[in-house]
Amino acid sequence: MAGELDYLLRISVSDMAAFDSLYKRLTDAVPIKNVTSHFAMERMKFTTAYPVDTQNR
């Protein structure tokens, strides 16, 4: 990756208390200069399938 991000962790936790616990363990274990978090409150779509047109090859 280039730019501001060096690592991206995609995690799933049961609630914000679980996230806080994970966050504290992570920042205590590794010397981190800056952490940015983004949250999705619900999953709109979940698929890894890529639509392939097998009819008109």
PDB file of N, CA and C in Angstrom:
ATOM      1  N   MET A   1       0.844  -1.175   0.000  1.00  0.00           N
ATOM      2  CA  MET A   1       0.000   0.000   0.000  1.00  0.00           C
ATOM      3  C   MET A   1       0.894   1.244   0.000  1.00  0.00           C
ATOM      4  N   ALA A   2       0.330   2.311  -0.444  1.00  0.00           N
ATOM      5  CA  ALA A   2       1.058   3.575  -0.454  1.00  0.00           C
ATOM      6  C   ALA A   2       0.228   4.624   0.273  1.00  0.00           C
ATOM      7  N   GLY A   3       0.872   5.665   0.688  1.00  0.00           N
ATOM      8  CA  GLY A   3       0.145   6.737   1.349  1.00  0.00           C
ATOM      9  C   GLY A   3       0.188   6.601   2.851  1.00  0.00           C
ATOM     10  N   GLU A   4      -0.873   6.974   3.498  1.00  0.00           N
ATOM     11  CA  GLU A   4      -0.905   7.013   4.956  1.00  0.00           C
ATOM     12  C   GLU A   4      -0.979   5.631   5.596  1.00  0.00           C
ATOM     13  N   LEU A   5      -1.578   4.660   4.927  1.00  0.00           N
ATOM     14  CA  LEU A   5      -1.787   3.345   5.541  1.00  0.00           C
ATOM     15  C   LEU A   5      -0.593   2.434   5.340  1.00  0.00           C
ATOM     16  N   ASP A   6      -0.149   1.811   6.417  1.00  0.00           N
ATOM     17  CA  ASP A   6       0.889   0.789   6.340  1.00  0.00           C
ATOM     18  C   ASP A   6       0.305  -0.600   6.523  1.00  0.00           C
ATOM     19  N   TYR A   7      -0.722  -0.699   7.362  1.00  0.00           N
ATOM     20  CA  TYR A   7      -1.381  -1.972   7.631  1.00  0.00           C
ATOM     21  C   TYR A   7      -2.879  -1.752   7.700  1.00  0.00           C
ATOM     22  N   LEU A   8      -3.608  -2.773   7.304  1.00  0.00           N
ATOM     23  CA  LEU A   8      -5.061  -2.734   7.402  1.00  0.00           C
ATOM     24  C   LEU A   8      -5.506  -4.017   8.084  1.00  0.00           C
ATOM     25  N   LEU A   9      -6.200  -3.882   9.196  1.00  0.00           N
ATOM     26  CA  LEU A   9      -6.768  -5.027   9.899  1.00  0.00           C
ATOM     27  C   LEU A   9      -8.274  -4.955   9.757  1.00  0.00           C
ATOM     28  N   ARG A  10      -8.853  -5.999   9.240  1.00  0.00           N
ATOM     29  CA  ARG A  10     -10.314  -6.078   9.169  1.00  0.00           C
ATOM     30  C   ARG A  10     -10.735  -7.083  10.227  1.00  0.00           C
ATOM     31  N   ILE A  11     -11.403  -6.587  11.243  1.00  0.00           N
ATOM     32  CA  ILE A  11     -11.758  -7.435  12.375  1.00  0.00           C
ATOM     33  C   ILE A  11     -13.257  -7.377  12.612  1.00  0.00           C
ATOM     34  N   SER A  12     -13.744  -8.366  13.318  1.00  0.00           N
ATOM     35  CA  SER A  12     -15.145  -8.403  13.702  1.00  0.00           C
ATOM     36  C   SER A  12     -15.199  -8.693  15.194  1.00  0.00           C
ATOM     37  N   VAL A  13     -15.889  -7.833  15.928  1.00  0.00           N
ATOM     38  CA  VAL A  13     -16.031  -8.002  17.373  1.00  0.00           C
ATOM     39  C   VAL A  13     -17.507  -7.916  17.737  1.00  0.00           C
ATOM     40  N   SER A  14     -17.843  -8.416  18.904  1.00  0.00           N
ATOM     41  CA  SER A  14     -19.248  -8.483  19.304  1.00  0.00           C
ATOM     42  C   SER A  14     -19.819  -7.135  19.718  1.00  0.00           C
ATOM     43  N   ASP A  15     -18.969  -6.267  20.283  1.00  0.00           N
ATOM     44  CA  ASP A  15     -19.448  -4.959  20.717  1.00  0.00           C
ATOM     45  C   ASP A  15     -18.255  -4.020  20.914  1.00  0.00           C
ATOM     46  N   MET A  16     -18.532  -2.788  21.308  1.00  0.00           N
ATOM     47  CA  MET A  16     -17.467  -1.796  21.457  1.00  0.00           C
ATOM     48  C   MET A  16     -16.539  -2.125  22.626  1.00  0.00           C
ATOM     49  N   ALA A  17     -17.033  -2.791  23.639  1.00  0.00           N
ATOM     50  CA  ALA A  17     -16.170  -3.200  24.748  1.00  0.00           C
ATOM     51  C   ALA A  17     -15.124  -4.206  24.262  1.00  0.00           C
ATOM     52  N   ALA A  18     -15.527  -5.116  23.395  1.00  0.00           N
ATOM     53  CA  ALA A  18     -14.591  -6.088  22.823  1.00  0.00           C
ATOM     54  C   ALA A  18     -13.569  -5.386  21.931  1.00  0.00           C
ATOM     55  N   PHE A  19     -14.020  -4.389  21.165  1.00  0.00           N
ATOM     56  CA  PHE A  19     -13.083  -3.623  20.340  1.00  0.00           C
ATOM     57  C   PHE A  19     -12.088  -2.884  21.223  1.00  0.00           C
ATOM     58  N   ASP A  20     -12.560  -2.266  22.293  1.00  0.00           N
ATOM     59  CA  ASP A  20     -11.687  -1.529  23.196  1.00  0.00           C
ATOM     60  C   ASP A  20     -10.630  -2.445  23.797  1.00  0.00           C
ATOM     61  N   SER A  21     -11.025  -3.646  24.180  1.00  0.00           N
ATOM     62  CA  SER A  21     -10.078  -4.620  24.729  1.00  0.00           C
ATOM     63  C   SER A  21      -9.023  -4.998  23.686  1.00  0.00           C
ATOM     64  N   LEU A  22      -9.461  -5.266  22.464  1.00  0.00           N
ATOM     65  CA  LEU A  22      -8.532  -5.594  21.386  1.00  0.00           C
ATOM     66  C   LEU A  22      -7.594  -4.428  21.104  1.00  0.00           C
ATOM     67  N   TYR A  23      -8.130  -3.232  21.039  1.00  0.00           N
ATOM     68  CA  TYR A  23      -7.349  -2.028  20.775  1.00  0.00           C
ATOM     69  C   TYR A  23      -6.263  -1.829  21.835  1.00  0.00           C
ATOM     70  N   LYS A  24      -6.621  -2.010  23.097  1.00  0.00           N
ATOM     71  CA  LYS A  24      -5.652  -1.851  24.176  1.00  0.00           C
ATOM     72  C   LYS A  24      -4.561  -2.907  24.102  1.00  0.00           C
ATOM     73  N   ARG A  25      -4.931  -4.163  23.810  1.00  0.00           N
ATOM     74  CA  ARG A  25      -3.922  -5.228  23.674  1.00  0.00           C
ATOM     75  C   ARG A  25      -2.992  -4.947  22.512  1.00  0.00           C
ATOM     76  N   LEU A  26      -3.525  -4.471  21.406  1.00  0.00           N
ATOM     77  CA  LEU A  26      -2.720  -4.177  20.227  1.00  0.00           C
ATOM     78  C   LEU A  26      -1.738  -3.040  20.499  1.00  0.00           C
ATOM     79  N   THR A  27      -2.233  -1.945  21.055  1.00  0.00           N
ATOM     80  CA  THR A  27      -1.361  -0.791  21.277  1.00  0.00           C
ATOM     81  C   THR A  27      -0.354  -1.031  22.408  1.00  0.00           C
ATOM     82  N   ASP A  28      -0.641  -1.937  23.319  1.00  0.00           N
ATOM     83  CA  ASP A  28       0.332  -2.287  24.356  1.00  0.00           C
ATOM     84  C   ASP A  28       1.420  -3.217  23.822  1.00  0.00           C
ATOM     85  N   ALA A  29       1.087  -4.035  22.842  1.00  0.00           N
ATOM     86  CA  ALA A  29       2.013  -5.047  22.336  1.00  0.00           C
ATOM     87  C   ALA A  29       2.987  -4.512  21.296  1.00  0.00           C
ATOM     88  N   VAL A  30       2.578  -3.492  20.554  1.00  0.00           N
ATOM     89  CA  VAL A  30       3.370  -3.008  19.421  1.00  0.00           C
ATOM     90  C   VAL A  30       3.549  -1.498  19.551  1.00  0.00           C
ATOM     91  N   PRO A  31       4.769  -0.992  19.322  1.00  0.00           N
ATOM     92  CA  PRO A  31       4.943   0.472  19.365  1.00  0.00           C
ATOM     93  C   PRO A  31       4.289   1.124  18.145  1.00  0.00           C
ATOM     94  N   ILE A  32       3.143   1.744  18.363  1.00  0.00           N
ATOM     95  CA  ILE A  32       2.374   2.338  17.276  1.00  0.00           C
ATOM     96  C   ILE A  32       2.373   3.853  17.455  1.00  0.00           C
ATOM     97  N   LYS A  33       2.638   4.553  16.353  1.00  0.00           N
ATOM     98  CA  LYS A  33       2.662   6.008  16.406  1.00  0.00           C
ATOM     99  C   LYS A  33       1.273   6.600  16.221  1.00  0.00           C
ATOM    100  N   ASN A  34       0.471   6.005  15.332  1.00  0.00           N
ATOM    101  CA  ASN A  34      -0.842   6.561  15.020  1.00  0.00           C
ATOM    102  C   ASN A  34      -1.797   5.429  14.643  1.00  0.00           C
ATOM    103  N   VAL A  35      -3.015   5.486  15.163  1.00  0.00           N
ATOM    104  CA  VAL A  35      -4.039   4.489  14.852  1.00  0.00           C
ATOM    105  C   VAL A  35      -5.299   5.219  14.404  1.00  0.00           C
ATOM    106  N   THR A  36      -5.882   4.760  13.307  1.00  0.00           N
ATOM    107  CA  THR A  36      -7.149   5.299  12.827  1.00  0.00           C
ATOM    108  C   THR A  36      -8.133   4.147  12.725  1.00  0.00           C
ATOM    109  N   SER A  37      -9.349   4.345  13.220  1.00  0.00           N
ATOM    110  CA  SER A  37     -10.370   3.302  13.181  1.00  0.00           C
ATOM    111  C   SER A  37     -11.585   3.782  12.411  1.00  0.00           C
ATOM    112  N   HIS A  38     -12.184   2.866  11.669  1.00  0.00           N
ATOM    113  CA  HIS A  38     -13.441   3.110  10.962  1.00  0.00           C
ATOM    114  C   HIS A  38     -14.373   1.966  11.319  1.00  0.00           C
ATOM    115  N   PHE A  39     -15.654   2.271  11.476  1.00  0.00           N
ATOM    116  CA  PHE A  39     -16.608   1.263  11.921  1.00  0.00           C
ATOM    117  C   PHE A  39     -17.751   1.124  10.929  1.00  0.00           C
ATOM    118  N   ALA A  40     -18.173  -0.098  10.712  1.00  0.00           N
ATOM    119  CA  ALA A  40     -19.400  -0.379   9.978  1.00  0.00           C
ATOM    120  C   ALA A  40     -20.393  -0.916  11.002  1.00  0.00           C
ATOM    121  N   MET A  41     -21.534  -0.300  11.075  1.00  0.00           N
ATOM    122  CA  MET A  41     -22.522  -0.707  12.077  1.00  0.00           C
ATOM    123  C   MET A  41     -23.351  -1.905  11.625  1.00  0.00           C
ATOM    124  N   GLU A  42     -23.441  -2.105  10.308  1.00  0.00           N
ATOM    125  CA  GLU A  42     -24.137  -3.281   9.803  1.00  0.00           C
ATOM    126  C   GLU A  42     -23.541  -3.675   8.459  1.00  0.00           C
ATOM    127  N   ARG A  43     -23.707  -4.912   8.101  1.00  0.00           N
ATOM    128  CA  ARG A  43     -23.188  -5.418   6.837  1.00  0.00           C
ATOM    129  C   ARG A  43     -24.270  -5.256   5.786  1.00  0.00           C
ATOM    130  N   MET A  44     -23.955  -4.527   4.733  1.00  0.00           N
ATOM    131  CA  MET A  44     -24.916  -4.306   3.658  1.00  0.00           C
ATOM    132  C   MET A  44     -24.884  -5.459   2.646  1.00  0.00           C
ATOM    133  N   LYS A  45     -23.686  -5.943   2.375  1.00  0.00           N
ATOM    134  CA  LYS A  45     -23.527  -7.013   1.402  1.00  0.00           C
ATOM    135  C   LYS A  45     -22.274  -7.792   1.782  1.00  0.00           C
ATOM    136  N   PHE A  46     -22.354  -9.101   1.678  1.00  0.00           N
ATOM    137  CA  PHE A  46     -21.180  -9.912   1.965  1.00  0.00           C
ATOM    138  C   PHE A  46     -21.057 -10.984   0.904  1.00  0.00           C
ATOM    139  N   THR A  47     -20.095 -10.818   0.052  1.00  0.00           N
ATOM    140  CA  THR A  47     -19.828 -11.827  -0.964  1.00  0.00           C
ATOM    141  C   THR A  47     -18.396 -11.677  -1.453  1.00  0.00           C
ATOM    142  N   THR A  48     -17.798 -12.771  -1.815  1.00  0.00           N
ATOM    143  CA  THR A  48     -16.483 -12.734  -2.445  1.00  0.00           C
ATOM    144  C   THR A  48     -16.599 -13.155  -3.898  1.00  0.00           C
ATOM    145  N   ALA A  49     -17.824 -13.426  -4.333  1.00  0.00           N
ATOM    146  CA  ALA A  49     -18.044 -13.881  -5.707  1.00  0.00           C
ATOM    147  C   ALA A  49     -17.871 -12.735  -6.686  1.00  0.00           C
ATOM    148  N   TYR A  50     -17.245 -13.034  -7.785  1.00  0.00           N
ATOM    149  CA  TYR A  50     -17.074 -12.065  -8.858  1.00  0.00           C
ATOM    150  C   TYR A  50     -18.013 -12.505  -9.986  1.00  0.00           C
ATOM    151  N   PRO A  51     -18.924 -11.624 -10.438  1.00  0.00           N
ATOM    152  CA  PRO A  51     -19.870 -12.042 -11.463  1.00  0.00           C
ATOM    153  C   PRO A  51     -19.177 -12.351 -12.795  1.00  0.00           C
ATOM    154  N   VAL A  52     -19.328 -13.573 -13.243  1.00  0.00           N
ATOM    155  CA  VAL A  52     -18.717 -14.010 -14.493  1.00  0.00           C
ATOM    156  C   VAL A  52     -19.827 -14.438 -15.433  1.00  0.00           C
ATOM    157  N   ASP A  53     -19.805 -13.891 -16.621  1.00  0.00           N
ATOM    158  CA  ASP A  53     -20.821 -14.238 -17.632  1.00  0.00           C
ATOM    159  C   ASP A  53     -20.356 -15.512 -18.342  1.00  0.00           C
ATOM    160  N   THR A  54     -20.903 -16.649 -17.956  1.00  0.00           N
ATOM    161  CA  THR A  54     -20.514 -17.920 -18.585  1.00  0.00           C
ATOM    162  C   THR A  54     -21.366 -18.215 -19.820  1.00  0.00           C
ATOM    163  N   GLN A  55     -22.416 -17.456 -20.044  1.00  0.00           N
ATOM    164  CA  GLN A  55     -23.292 -17.676 -21.192  1.00  0.00           C
ATOM    165  C   GLN A  55     -22.692 -17.118 -22.483  1.00  0.00           C
ATOM    166  N   ASN A  56     -22.070 -15.964 -22.396  1.00  0.00           N
ATOM    167  CA  ASN A  56     -21.558 -15.272 -23.593  1.00  0.00           C
ATOM    168  C   ASN A  56     -20.047 -15.165 -23.603  1.00  0.00           C
ATOM    169  N   ARG A  57     -19.388 -16.290 -23.535  1.00  0.00           N
ATOM    170  CA  ARG A  57     -17.917 -16.277 -23.544  1.00  0.00           C
ATOM    171  C   ARG A  57     -17.368 -16.046 -24.917  1.00  0.00           C
TER     172      ARG A  57
END
